[in-house]
Protein backbone atom coordinates (compact mmCIF):
# COMPACT_ATOMS: atom_id res chain seq x y z
CA MET A 1 7.94 5.07 16.50
CA THR A 2 7.26 8.67 15.58
CA LEU A 3 3.56 9.61 15.59
CA PHE A 4 2.45 12.01 12.88
CA GLU A 5 -0.37 12.59 10.41
CA VAL A 6 -0.24 13.27 6.67
CA ARG A 7 -2.69 15.76 5.22
CA PRO A 8 -2.98 18.27 2.35
CA ALA A 9 -0.90 21.38 2.94
CA VAL A 10 -2.54 24.69 3.79
CA ALA A 11 -1.14 28.19 3.35
CA ALA A 12 -0.11 28.40 7.03
CA ASP A 13 2.21 25.36 6.53
CA ILE A 14 4.28 26.88 3.74
CA PRO A 15 6.63 29.13 5.78
CA ARG A 16 7.50 26.18 8.03
CA LEU A 17 8.04 23.88 5.05
CA MET A 18 10.35 26.42 3.43
CA ALA A 19 12.32 26.66 6.70
CA LEU A 20 12.98 22.90 6.89
CA ASP A 21 16.55 21.76 6.36
CA HIS A 22 16.31 20.44 2.79
CA SER A 23 19.92 19.22 2.61
CA SER A 24 21.05 15.64 3.11
CA VAL A 25 24.24 13.63 3.36
CA SER A 26 25.37 10.73 1.22
CA ASP A 27 28.02 8.05 1.11
CA TYR A 28 27.17 7.07 -2.48
CA VAL A 29 26.53 8.58 -5.89
CA TRP A 30 25.10 7.08 -9.04
CA GLN A 31 27.90 7.91 -11.43
CA LEU A 32 27.05 8.47 -15.09
CA GLU A 33 29.35 7.19 -17.80
CA LEU A 34 28.47 8.20 -21.36
CA ARG A 35 30.13 6.52 -24.32
CA ARG A 36 29.52 8.00 -27.74
CA GLU A 37 30.18 6.05 -30.89
CA THR A 38 28.96 6.44 -34.45
CA ALA A 39 25.16 6.14 -34.42
CA GLN A 40 25.16 4.97 -30.80
CA VAL A 41 25.28 6.43 -27.33
CA THR A 42 25.61 4.19 -24.30
CA ALA A 43 24.78 5.46 -20.83
CA ASN A 44 25.77 3.45 -17.79
CA PHE A 45 25.11 4.24 -14.17
CA ARG A 46 26.88 2.58 -11.32
CA GLU A 47 26.59 3.16 -7.63
CA VAL A 48 29.93 4.37 -6.32
CA ARG A 49 30.88 4.62 -2.67
CA LEU A 50 32.38 8.03 -2.02
CA PRO A 51 35.67 8.31 -0.12
CA ARG A 52 33.91 10.38 2.52
CA THR A 53 30.38 11.43 3.39
CA VAL A 54 29.32 14.48 1.40
CA ASP A 55 26.76 17.15 2.16
CA VAL A 56 24.14 17.27 -0.58
CA LYS A 57 22.59 20.67 -1.15
CA TYR A 58 18.93 20.63 -2.20
CA PRO A 59 18.80 21.25 -5.95
CA ARG A 60 16.08 23.91 -5.82
CA ASN A 61 15.60 27.04 -3.77
CA PRO A 62 13.29 25.99 -0.89
CA LEU A 63 11.93 29.55 -0.71
CA ALA A 64 10.44 29.11 -4.20
CA LEU A 65 7.87 26.81 -2.59
CA GLY A 66 6.11 29.94 -1.33
CA ASP A 67 5.30 30.97 -4.90
CA GLU A 68 4.97 27.54 -6.49
CA TRP A 69 2.95 25.42 -4.08
CA MET A 70 -0.40 26.48 -5.51
CA ARG A 71 0.77 25.39 -8.99
CA ARG A 72 1.45 21.85 -7.79
CA ASP A 73 -1.36 19.37 -8.20
CA ALA A 74 -0.64 17.94 -4.76
CA VAL A 75 1.28 19.16 -1.73
CA MET A 76 0.94 16.92 1.29
CA VAL A 77 2.52 17.58 4.64
CA ALA A 78 3.49 15.33 7.52
CA VAL A 79 2.60 16.98 10.82
CA GLN A 80 3.69 16.06 14.34
CA ASP A 81 2.14 17.85 17.31
CA GLY A 82 0.84 20.56 14.95
CA THR A 83 4.27 21.19 13.40
CA PRO A 84 5.12 20.32 9.78
CA ILE A 85 7.99 17.81 9.69
CA GLY A 86 8.06 16.99 5.96
CA TYR A 87 6.27 17.32 2.68
CA VAL A 88 5.81 15.86 -0.78
CA CYS A 89 4.86 17.68 -4.00
CA ALA A 90 3.44 16.10 -7.14
CA VAL A 91 2.47 17.29 -10.60
CA GLU A 92 0.09 15.43 -12.90
CA GLU A 93 0.41 15.18 -16.67
CA HIS A 94 -3.21 14.55 -17.61
CA ALA A 95 -2.63 13.57 -21.25
CA SER A 96 -0.27 10.72 -20.36
CA ALA A 97 -1.85 9.71 -17.02
CA VAL A 98 1.55 10.15 -15.37
CA ALA A 99 2.37 12.07 -12.20
CA TRP A 100 5.78 13.26 -11.04
CA VAL A 101 6.92 13.51 -7.44
CA THR A 102 9.13 16.59 -7.64
CA ASP A 103 9.90 17.15 -3.95
CA LEU A 104 10.11 14.88 -0.93
CA VAL A 105 11.58 16.49 2.18
CA VAL A 106 11.75 15.33 5.80
CA MET A 107 13.46 17.21 8.61
CA PRO A 108 16.84 15.52 9.28
CA GLU A 109 16.18 14.39 12.86
CA LEU A 110 13.09 12.45 11.76
CA ARG A 111 14.56 10.73 8.72
CA LEU A 112 14.50 6.92 8.73
CA LYS A 113 11.44 6.96 11.01
CA GLY A 114 8.75 6.30 8.38
CA VAL A 115 7.87 9.88 7.49
CA ALA A 116 9.11 9.71 3.87
CA SER A 117 7.40 6.33 3.44
CA ALA A 118 4.12 7.78 4.69
CA LEU A 119 4.45 10.80 2.39
CA LEU A 120 5.22 8.61 -0.63
CA THR A 121 2.27 6.36 0.23
CA ALA A 122 0.03 9.44 0.41
CA ALA A 123 1.32 10.60 -3.00
CA GLN A 124 0.59 7.15 -4.44
CA ASP A 125 -2.93 7.17 -2.96
CA TRP A 126 -3.53 10.66 -4.40
CA ALA A 127 -2.34 9.46 -7.83
CA LEU A 128 -4.56 6.37 -7.71
CA GLU A 129 -7.60 8.51 -6.84
CA ARG A 130 -6.91 10.54 -9.98
CA SER A 131 -6.50 7.42 -12.19
CA VAL A 132 -2.81 8.08 -12.74
CA ARG A 133 -1.26 5.00 -14.34
CA ARG A 134 2.39 5.70 -13.55
CA LEU A 135 4.16 7.64 -10.82
CA ILE A 136 7.71 8.89 -11.39
CA LEU A 137 10.07 10.10 -8.69
CA GLU A 138 12.82 12.53 -9.55
CA MET A 139 15.95 12.82 -7.43
CA MET A 140 19.58 13.85 -7.56
CA SER A 141 22.13 11.15 -8.33
CA LYS A 142 23.66 11.82 -4.89
CA ASN A 143 20.40 11.43 -2.95
CA GLN A 144 21.09 7.98 -1.56
CA GLY A 145 18.15 8.10 0.86
CA CYS A 146 15.59 8.81 -1.86
CA ILE A 147 17.10 6.20 -4.20
CA ARG A 148 16.81 3.59 -1.44
CA LEU A 149 13.23 4.68 -0.69
CA ALA A 150 12.28 4.36 -4.37
CA GLN A 151 13.79 0.87 -4.52
CA LYS A 152 12.06 -0.15 -1.28
CA PHE A 153 8.71 0.83 -2.83
CA GLY A 154 9.37 -1.13 -6.02
CA TYR A 155 10.25 1.80 -8.28
CA GLU A 156 12.68 1.04 -11.09
CA PHE A 157 15.25 3.28 -12.71
CA CYS A 158 13.66 4.63 -15.88
CA GLY A 159 15.84 7.51 -17.02
CA TYR A 160 17.96 10.52 -16.29
CA ASN A 161 18.52 14.10 -17.37
CA ASP A 162 22.00 15.54 -17.27
CA GLN A 163 22.18 19.07 -15.83
CA TYR A 164 18.47 18.95 -14.98
CA TYR A 165 18.47 21.06 -11.85
CA PRO A 166 19.48 24.73 -11.49
CA THR A 167 22.56 23.35 -9.67
CA GLN A 168 23.46 21.49 -12.92
CA ASP A 169 23.20 18.16 -11.12
CA VAL A 170 22.04 14.96 -12.79
CA ALA A 171 18.43 13.94 -12.12
CA LEU A 172 17.54 10.28 -11.88
CA PHE A 173 14.01 9.10 -12.55
CA PHE A 174 12.46 6.03 -10.93
CA GLY A 175 9.00 4.95 -12.04
CA ARG A 176 6.31 2.50 -11.08
CA ALA A 177 2.99 1.49 -12.56
CA LEU A 178 0.09 2.03 -10.18
CA LYS A 179 -2.76 -0.46 -9.82
């Protein structure tokens, strides 16, 4: 078991967070099929196993975090032995009592060791403290690890946006009511 703490990010963390390997690998993709008929559009997603493992490039420029982190409502960092090993960013929409998890990154060698779960739990706790009613996670359709994490935590698929990211990739949205 990896020992680490989760705390709010401070300015000194940001260069290390930007330097983390934000990429991932995937064996699956949620493939979008759109069917357009008169007065009707049907969107279907199905999980498709890829013929080979693919490298998934992070959809945003990690260096932008240096300029944007102060505009996020929450940036929490997982730290091990004083070194940042992952982070989560969230933005709150006050009028609708909804918050969005826009980034969830863990260094590759510590993935599947509870770090992402701890960061998501911290984001949920932050949202509950602010009386957020619903938390929504955004992720690329190829981010198998994040999709599995969302499902593990009881989040349900609640939408998508085609060409959402600067990379023109599809974003999937998984949401959950908070109690």
